[in-house]
Amino acid sequence: MAKAYDRVEWNFLLDVLRKFGFSDLVLSLVRNCISDVSFSVILNSVYKGFFQSSRGLQQGDPLSPFLFILGAEVLSRGMQKEFENGNIGYYYTPRGCPPVTHLLYADDVAIFLNGKKSSILGMRKFLERYTSCSG
């Protein structure tokens, strides 16, 4: 999830909000907050004009962590579904213990799966799909 804040696609986040049942008003407000960002470059003490961002969340923006967590929730639910559907094999846990498939913390993820080639390829395929959707 390297540079995840910088790469997340706005349309992905808005689709996630829509699927979670947020109203059109909230979607419009969020769209305005995340897309109304511009940057300027200073080169040799001279401003080189402004340019608009086309994706990503701003670190320090109070809304960004909540939006990032929603995107991570999609990742988490998607991984869990891949395990439940048998596309990825579970990592061994002692009898009576629930299987641990992944842990998310801030912008880090730890994934636990068995070492079979089919599981590794299944996870890779899932992560490629998630990346193509989320940015």
N, C-alpha and C. Protein backbone atom coordinates (compact mmCIF):
# COMPACT_ATOMS: atom_id res chain seq x y z
N MET A 1 0.82 -1.18 0.00
CA MET A 1 0.00 0.00 0.00
C MET A 1 0.87 1.26 0.00
N ALA A 2 2.05 1.12 -0.61
CA ALA A 2 2.98 2.24 -0.68
C ALA A 2 2.34 3.42 -1.39
N LYS A 3 2.50 4.58 -0.81
CA LYS A 3 1.98 5.82 -1.38
C LYS A 3 0.48 5.72 -1.67
N ALA A 4 -0.22 4.95 -0.86
CA ALA A 4 -1.64 4.71 -1.12
C ALA A 4 -2.47 5.99 -1.09
N TYR A 5 -2.16 6.91 -0.20
CA TYR A 5 -2.90 8.18 -0.15
C TYR A 5 -2.79 8.91 -1.47
N ASP A 6 -1.61 8.87 -2.07
CA ASP A 6 -1.37 9.62 -3.31
C ASP A 6 -2.02 8.99 -4.53
N ARG A 7 -2.32 7.72 -4.48
CA ARG A 7 -2.72 6.99 -5.68
C ARG A 7 -4.20 6.66 -5.77
N VAL A 8 -4.92 6.77 -4.68
CA VAL A 8 -6.32 6.33 -4.71
C VAL A 8 -7.12 7.20 -5.68
N GLU A 9 -7.91 6.53 -6.50
CA GLU A 9 -8.72 7.21 -7.52
C GLU A 9 -9.99 7.77 -6.88
N TRP A 10 -10.32 9.01 -7.23
CA TRP A 10 -11.51 9.64 -6.66
C TRP A 10 -12.78 8.90 -7.04
N ASN A 11 -12.90 8.46 -8.28
CA ASN A 11 -14.11 7.75 -8.71
C ASN A 11 -14.29 6.46 -7.93
N PHE A 12 -13.20 5.79 -7.60
CA PHE A 12 -13.26 4.58 -6.78
C PHE A 12 -13.87 4.91 -5.42
N LEU A 13 -13.36 5.97 -4.78
CA LEU A 13 -13.88 6.35 -3.46
C LEU A 13 -15.35 6.74 -3.53
N LEU A 14 -15.72 7.46 -4.56
CA LEU A 14 -17.12 7.87 -4.69
C LEU A 14 -18.02 6.66 -4.93
N ASP A 15 -17.54 5.68 -5.70
CA ASP A 15 -18.30 4.44 -5.90
C ASP A 15 -18.45 3.68 -4.59
N VAL A 16 -17.38 3.65 -3.79
CA VAL A 16 -17.43 2.97 -2.49
C VAL A 16 -18.45 3.66 -1.59
N LEU A 17 -18.41 4.97 -1.53
CA LEU A 17 -19.38 5.71 -0.72
C LEU A 17 -20.81 5.41 -1.18
N ARG A 18 -21.01 5.37 -2.48
CA ARG A 18 -22.34 5.08 -3.04
C ARG A 18 -22.79 3.68 -2.61
N LYS A 19 -21.89 2.70 -2.70
CA LYS A 19 -22.24 1.32 -2.34
C LYS A 19 -22.52 1.17 -0.84
N PHE A 20 -21.88 2.02 -0.03
CA PHE A 20 -22.14 2.00 1.41
C PHE A 20 -23.41 2.77 1.77
N GLY A 21 -24.08 3.35 0.77
CA GLY A 21 -25.37 3.97 1.00
C GLY A 21 -25.36 5.45 1.30
N PHE A 22 -24.26 6.13 1.05
CA PHE A 22 -24.22 7.58 1.27
C PHE A 22 -25.07 8.29 0.22
N SER A 23 -25.69 9.38 0.63
CA SER A 23 -26.59 10.12 -0.26
C SER A 23 -25.82 10.87 -1.35
N ASP A 24 -26.57 11.28 -2.37
CA ASP A 24 -25.96 12.07 -3.45
C ASP A 24 -25.40 13.39 -2.93
N LEU A 25 -26.05 13.95 -1.92
CA LEU A 25 -25.55 15.20 -1.33
C LEU A 25 -24.17 14.98 -0.71
N VAL A 26 -24.03 13.90 0.05
CA VAL A 26 -22.73 13.60 0.66
C VAL A 26 -21.69 13.34 -0.42
N LEU A 27 -22.07 12.59 -1.45
CA LEU A 27 -21.14 12.32 -2.55
C LEU A 27 -20.67 13.61 -3.20
N SER A 28 -21.59 14.53 -3.40
CA SER A 28 -21.24 15.81 -4.01
C SER A 28 -20.30 16.61 -3.12
N LEU A 29 -20.58 16.63 -1.83
CA LEU A 29 -19.72 17.36 -0.89
C LEU A 29 -18.32 16.76 -0.85
N VAL A 30 -18.24 15.44 -0.80
CA VAL A 30 -16.94 14.77 -0.77
C VAL A 30 -16.19 15.04 -2.08
N ARG A 31 -16.89 14.91 -3.20
CA ARG A 31 -16.26 15.18 -4.50
C ARG A 31 -15.66 16.59 -4.52
N ASN A 32 -16.40 17.56 -4.04
CA ASN A 32 -15.90 18.94 -4.01
C ASN A 32 -14.68 19.07 -3.09
N CYS A 33 -14.71 18.40 -1.96
CA CYS A 33 -13.59 18.50 -1.01
C CYS A 33 -12.31 17.87 -1.56
N ILE A 34 -12.42 16.72 -2.22
CA ILE A 34 -11.20 16.03 -2.65
C ILE A 34 -10.70 16.50 -4.01
N SER A 35 -11.59 17.08 -4.81
CA SER A 35 -11.15 17.46 -6.16
C SER A 35 -10.79 18.93 -6.28
N ASP A 36 -11.11 19.72 -5.29
CA ASP A 36 -10.82 21.16 -5.36
C ASP A 36 -9.46 21.45 -4.73
N VAL A 37 -8.43 20.80 -5.25
CA VAL A 37 -7.08 20.93 -4.72
C VAL A 37 -6.17 21.34 -5.86
N SER A 38 -5.33 22.31 -5.59
CA SER A 38 -4.35 22.72 -6.61
C SER A 38 -2.98 22.85 -5.95
N PHE A 39 -1.96 22.72 -6.77
CA PHE A 39 -0.58 22.76 -6.31
C PHE A 39 0.19 23.81 -7.10
N SER A 40 1.26 24.27 -6.51
CA SER A 40 2.15 25.20 -7.20
C SER A 40 3.58 24.71 -7.00
N VAL A 41 4.40 24.96 -7.98
CA VAL A 41 5.81 24.58 -7.92
C VAL A 41 6.65 25.85 -7.85
N ILE A 42 7.63 25.84 -6.95
CA ILE A 42 8.58 26.95 -6.87
C ILE A 42 9.93 26.43 -7.36
N LEU A 43 10.46 27.06 -8.37
CA LEU A 43 11.74 26.67 -8.95
C LEU A 43 12.64 27.90 -8.97
N ASN A 44 13.76 27.79 -8.27
CA ASN A 44 14.69 28.93 -8.16
C ASN A 44 13.97 30.18 -7.65
N SER A 45 13.17 29.99 -6.61
CA SER A 45 12.44 31.08 -5.95
C SER A 45 11.37 31.73 -6.83
N VAL A 46 10.99 31.07 -7.92
CA VAL A 46 9.97 31.61 -8.83
C VAL A 46 8.80 30.63 -8.88
N TYR A 47 7.59 31.15 -8.64
CA TYR A 47 6.40 30.32 -8.76
C TYR A 47 6.16 29.97 -10.23
N LYS A 48 5.87 28.70 -10.48
CA LYS A 48 5.68 28.23 -11.86
C LYS A 48 4.22 27.94 -12.17
N GLY A 49 3.31 28.57 -11.47
CA GLY A 49 1.89 28.40 -11.75
C GLY A 49 1.27 27.28 -10.94
N PHE A 50 -0.02 27.11 -11.14
CA PHE A 50 -0.79 26.12 -10.40
C PHE A 50 -1.24 25.00 -11.33
N PHE A 51 -1.41 23.82 -10.75
CA PHE A 51 -1.99 22.71 -11.50
C PHE A 51 -2.91 21.93 -10.58
N GLN A 52 -3.90 21.31 -11.17
CA GLN A 52 -4.90 20.55 -10.43
C GLN A 52 -4.45 19.11 -10.23
N SER A 53 -4.85 18.54 -9.13
CA SER A 53 -4.63 17.12 -8.87
C SER A 53 -5.73 16.34 -9.57
N SER A 54 -5.45 15.11 -9.95
CA SER A 54 -6.47 14.29 -10.60
C SER A 54 -6.80 13.02 -9.81
N ARG A 55 -6.07 12.79 -8.74
CA ARG A 55 -6.36 11.64 -7.87
C ARG A 55 -5.60 11.83 -6.57
N GLY A 56 -5.86 10.95 -5.63
CA GLY A 56 -5.15 10.98 -4.36
C GLY A 56 -5.88 11.76 -3.29
N LEU A 57 -5.48 11.49 -2.06
CA LEU A 57 -6.01 12.18 -0.89
C LEU A 57 -4.89 12.99 -0.27
N GLN A 58 -5.25 14.12 0.29
CA GLN A 58 -4.26 15.00 0.88
C GLN A 58 -3.98 14.59 2.32
N GLN A 59 -2.72 14.33 2.64
CA GLN A 59 -2.35 14.06 4.02
C GLN A 59 -2.56 15.34 4.81
N GLY A 60 -3.15 15.21 5.97
CA GLY A 60 -3.46 16.36 6.79
C GLY A 60 -4.90 16.83 6.64
N ASP A 61 -5.57 16.42 5.57
CA ASP A 61 -6.98 16.76 5.40
C ASP A 61 -7.78 15.88 6.36
N PRO A 62 -8.64 16.46 7.20
CA PRO A 62 -9.37 15.65 8.18
C PRO A 62 -10.29 14.59 7.57
N LEU A 63 -10.68 14.75 6.33
CA LEU A 63 -11.56 13.78 5.67
C LEU A 63 -10.78 12.58 5.12
N SER A 64 -9.52 12.76 4.82
CA SER A 64 -8.72 11.72 4.15
C SER A 64 -8.65 10.39 4.89
N PRO A 65 -8.40 10.37 6.22
CA PRO A 65 -8.33 9.06 6.89
C PRO A 65 -9.62 8.25 6.78
N PHE A 66 -10.76 8.92 6.86
CA PHE A 66 -12.03 8.21 6.76
C PHE A 66 -12.24 7.62 5.37
N LEU A 67 -11.90 8.39 4.35
CA LEU A 67 -12.02 7.89 2.98
C LEU A 67 -11.05 6.75 2.73
N PHE A 68 -9.84 6.88 3.26
CA PHE A 68 -8.84 5.83 3.09
C PHE A 68 -9.30 4.54 3.76
N ILE A 69 -9.89 4.65 4.94
CA ILE A 69 -10.38 3.47 5.65
C ILE A 69 -11.48 2.78 4.85
N LEU A 70 -12.35 3.55 4.21
CA LEU A 70 -13.40 2.93 3.38
C LEU A 70 -12.78 2.15 2.22
N GLY A 71 -11.75 2.71 1.60
CA GLY A 71 -11.05 1.99 0.54
C GLY A 71 -10.37 0.73 1.05
N ALA A 72 -9.80 0.82 2.25
CA ALA A 72 -9.16 -0.35 2.86
C ALA A 72 -10.19 -1.40 3.24
N GLU A 73 -11.39 -0.97 3.59
CA GLU A 73 -12.47 -1.92 3.91
C GLU A 73 -12.84 -2.74 2.68
N VAL A 74 -12.85 -2.11 1.53
CA VAL A 74 -13.11 -2.85 0.28
C VAL A 74 -12.02 -3.89 0.07
N LEU A 75 -10.77 -3.52 0.30
CA LEU A 75 -9.66 -4.46 0.18
C LEU A 75 -9.84 -5.62 1.15
N SER A 76 -10.17 -5.31 2.39
CA SER A 76 -10.33 -6.33 3.42
C SER A 76 -11.47 -7.30 3.09
N ARG A 77 -12.62 -6.76 2.72
CA ARG A 77 -13.76 -7.62 2.39
C ARG A 77 -13.48 -8.46 1.14
N GLY A 78 -12.80 -7.86 0.18
CA GLY A 78 -12.46 -8.60 -1.04
C GLY A 78 -11.53 -9.76 -0.76
N MET A 79 -10.51 -9.53 0.06
CA MET A 79 -9.59 -10.61 0.42
C MET A 79 -10.33 -11.72 1.15
N GLN A 80 -11.17 -11.34 2.12
CA GLN A 80 -11.91 -12.34 2.88
C GLN A 80 -12.77 -13.19 1.96
N LYS A 81 -13.40 -12.56 0.99
CA LYS A 81 -14.25 -13.29 0.04
C LYS A 81 -13.42 -14.27 -0.79
N GLU A 82 -12.22 -13.86 -1.21
CA GLU A 82 -11.34 -14.75 -1.98
C GLU A 82 -10.97 -15.99 -1.17
N PHE A 83 -10.71 -15.81 0.12
CA PHE A 83 -10.41 -16.96 0.98
C PHE A 83 -11.65 -17.85 1.12
N GLU A 84 -12.79 -17.24 1.40
CA GLU A 84 -14.02 -18.01 1.60
C GLU A 84 -14.44 -18.77 0.35
N ASN A 85 -14.17 -18.21 -0.83
CA ASN A 85 -14.52 -18.87 -2.09
C ASN A 85 -13.51 -19.94 -2.49
N GLY A 86 -12.43 -20.08 -1.74
CA GLY A 86 -11.43 -21.10 -2.03
C GLY A 86 -10.42 -20.71 -3.09
N ASN A 87 -10.41 -19.45 -3.49
CA ASN A 87 -9.42 -19.00 -4.48
C ASN A 87 -8.04 -18.85 -3.87
N ILE A 88 -7.99 -18.70 -2.56
CA ILE A 88 -6.73 -18.58 -1.82
C ILE A 88 -6.83 -19.49 -0.61
N GLY A 89 -5.78 -20.27 -0.36
CA GLY A 89 -5.78 -21.20 0.76
C GLY A 89 -5.39 -20.53 2.07
N TYR A 90 -6.06 -20.96 3.14
CA TYR A 90 -5.79 -20.41 4.46
C TYR A 90 -4.41 -20.81 4.98
N TYR A 91 -3.82 -19.93 5.75
CA TYR A 91 -2.59 -20.22 6.50
C TYR A 91 -2.99 -21.14 7.64
N TYR A 92 -2.12 -22.10 7.94
CA TYR A 92 -2.43 -23.06 9.00
C TYR A 92 -2.56 -22.37 10.35
N THR A 93 -3.64 -22.68 11.06
CA THR A 93 -3.80 -22.26 12.45
C THR A 93 -4.18 -23.49 13.26
N PRO A 94 -3.82 -23.53 14.53
CA PRO A 94 -4.15 -24.69 15.35
C PRO A 94 -5.66 -24.93 15.41
N ARG A 95 -6.03 -26.17 15.61
CA ARG A 95 -7.44 -26.55 15.68
C ARG A 95 -8.15 -25.72 16.74
N GLY A 96 -9.32 -25.25 16.41
CA GLY A 96 -10.11 -24.46 17.33
C GLY A 96 -9.85 -22.97 17.26
N CYS A 97 -8.81 -22.59 16.54
CA CYS A 97 -8.50 -21.16 16.39
C CYS A 97 -9.07 -20.66 15.07
N PRO A 98 -9.60 -19.47 15.07
CA PRO A 98 -10.12 -18.94 13.80
C PRO A 98 -8.97 -18.63 12.85
N PRO A 99 -9.19 -18.82 11.56
CA PRO A 99 -8.12 -18.51 10.61
C PRO A 99 -7.89 -17.00 10.53
N VAL A 100 -6.64 -16.62 10.42
CA VAL A 100 -6.27 -15.22 10.24
C VAL A 100 -5.85 -15.08 8.79
N THR A 101 -6.52 -14.22 8.04
CA THR A 101 -6.21 -14.07 6.63
C THR A 101 -5.38 -12.82 6.35
N HIS A 102 -5.63 -11.76 7.11
CA HIS A 102 -4.89 -10.52 6.88
C HIS A 102 -5.08 -9.57 8.06
N LEU A 103 -4.15 -8.65 8.19
CA LEU A 103 -4.23 -7.59 9.18
C LEU A 103 -3.96 -6.27 8.48
N LEU A 104 -4.76 -5.27 8.76
CA LEU A 104 -4.56 -3.94 8.20
C LEU A 104 -4.25 -2.99 9.35
N TYR A 105 -3.22 -2.17 9.15
CA TYR A 105 -2.87 -1.16 10.14
C TYR A 105 -2.36 0.07 9.41
N ALA A 106 -3.05 1.18 9.59
CA ALA A 106 -2.69 2.42 8.90
C ALA A 106 -2.63 2.15 7.40
N ASP A 107 -1.46 2.31 6.78
CA ASP A 107 -1.36 2.03 5.34
C ASP A 107 -0.52 0.79 5.07
N ASP A 108 -0.50 -0.12 6.05
CA ASP A 108 0.22 -1.39 5.90
C ASP A 108 -0.77 -2.55 5.91
N VAL A 109 -0.40 -3.61 5.23
CA VAL A 109 -1.22 -4.82 5.23
C VAL A 109 -0.31 -6.03 5.36
N ALA A 110 -0.71 -6.97 6.21
CA ALA A 110 -0.01 -8.25 6.34
C ALA A 110 -1.00 -9.33 5.90
N ILE A 111 -0.58 -10.17 4.96
CA ILE A 111 -1.45 -11.19 4.40
C ILE A 111 -0.91 -12.56 4.79
N PHE A 112 -1.79 -13.42 5.29
CA PHE A 112 -1.42 -14.77 5.70
C PHE A 112 -2.15 -15.77 4.81
N LEU A 113 -1.39 -16.57 4.06
CA LEU A 113 -1.98 -17.60 3.22
C LEU A 113 -1.03 -18.79 3.18
N ASN A 114 -1.56 -19.92 2.74
CA ASN A 114 -0.67 -21.08 2.65
C ASN A 114 0.34 -20.84 1.52
N GLY A 115 1.38 -21.64 1.50
CA GLY A 115 2.47 -21.40 0.55
C GLY A 115 2.27 -22.02 -0.82
N LYS A 116 1.08 -22.50 -1.11
CA LYS A 116 0.85 -23.14 -2.40
C LYS A 116 0.87 -22.11 -3.53
N LYS A 117 1.39 -22.54 -4.65
CA LYS A 117 1.49 -21.66 -5.81
C LYS A 117 0.13 -21.11 -6.22
N SER A 118 -0.89 -21.95 -6.16
CA SER A 118 -2.24 -21.50 -6.56
C SER A 118 -2.75 -20.39 -5.64
N SER A 119 -2.42 -20.46 -4.36
CA SER A 119 -2.83 -19.41 -3.42
C SER A 119 -2.10 -18.11 -3.69
N ILE A 120 -0.81 -18.22 -3.95
CA ILE A 120 0.00 -17.03 -4.23
C ILE A 120 -0.49 -16.36 -5.51
N LEU A 121 -0.74 -17.16 -6.54
CA LEU A 121 -1.24 -16.60 -7.80
C LEU A 121 -2.64 -16.02 -7.64
N GLY A 122 -3.47 -16.68 -6.82
CA GLY A 122 -4.82 -16.17 -6.56
C GLY A 122 -4.78 -14.82 -5.86
N MET A 123 -3.88 -14.68 -4.88
CA MET A 123 -3.75 -13.41 -4.18
C MET A 123 -3.21 -12.33 -5.11
N ARG A 124 -2.25 -12.71 -5.91
CA ARG A 124 -1.68 -11.74 -6.85
C ARG A 124 -2.76 -11.24 -7.81
N LYS A 125 -3.57 -12.16 -8.32
CA LYS A 125 -4.64 -11.79 -9.24
C LYS A 125 -5.64 -10.85 -8.56
N PHE A 126 -6.00 -11.17 -7.32
CA PHE A 126 -6.93 -10.31 -6.58
C PHE A 126 -6.33 -8.92 -6.37
N LEU A 127 -5.07 -8.85 -5.94
CA LEU A 127 -4.44 -7.55 -5.69
C LEU A 127 -4.31 -6.73 -6.96
N GLU A 128 -4.07 -7.39 -8.09
CA GLU A 128 -4.02 -6.67 -9.36
C GLU A 128 -5.38 -6.09 -9.71
N ARG A 129 -6.46 -6.85 -9.46
CA ARG A 129 -7.82 -6.34 -9.71
C ARG A 129 -8.12 -5.15 -8.80
N TYR A 130 -7.77 -5.29 -7.53
CA TYR A 130 -8.02 -4.19 -6.58
C TYR A 130 -7.25 -2.94 -6.99
N THR A 131 -6.00 -3.12 -7.37
CA THR A 131 -5.17 -1.98 -7.77
C THR A 131 -5.73 -1.31 -9.01
N SER A 132 -6.21 -2.10 -9.96
CA SER A 132 -6.76 -1.49 -11.18
C SER A 132 -8.03 -0.70 -10.89
N CYS A 133 -8.77 -1.10 -9.87
CA CYS A 133 -10.00 -0.37 -9.51
C CYS A 133 -9.71 0.85 -8.64
N SER A 134 -8.80 0.71 -7.70
CA SER A 134 -8.59 1.76 -6.70
C SER A 134 -7.52 2.76 -7.07
N GLY A 135 -6.65 2.38 -7.97
CA GLY A 135 -5.55 3.27 -8.34
C GLY A 135 -4.28 2.75 -7.77
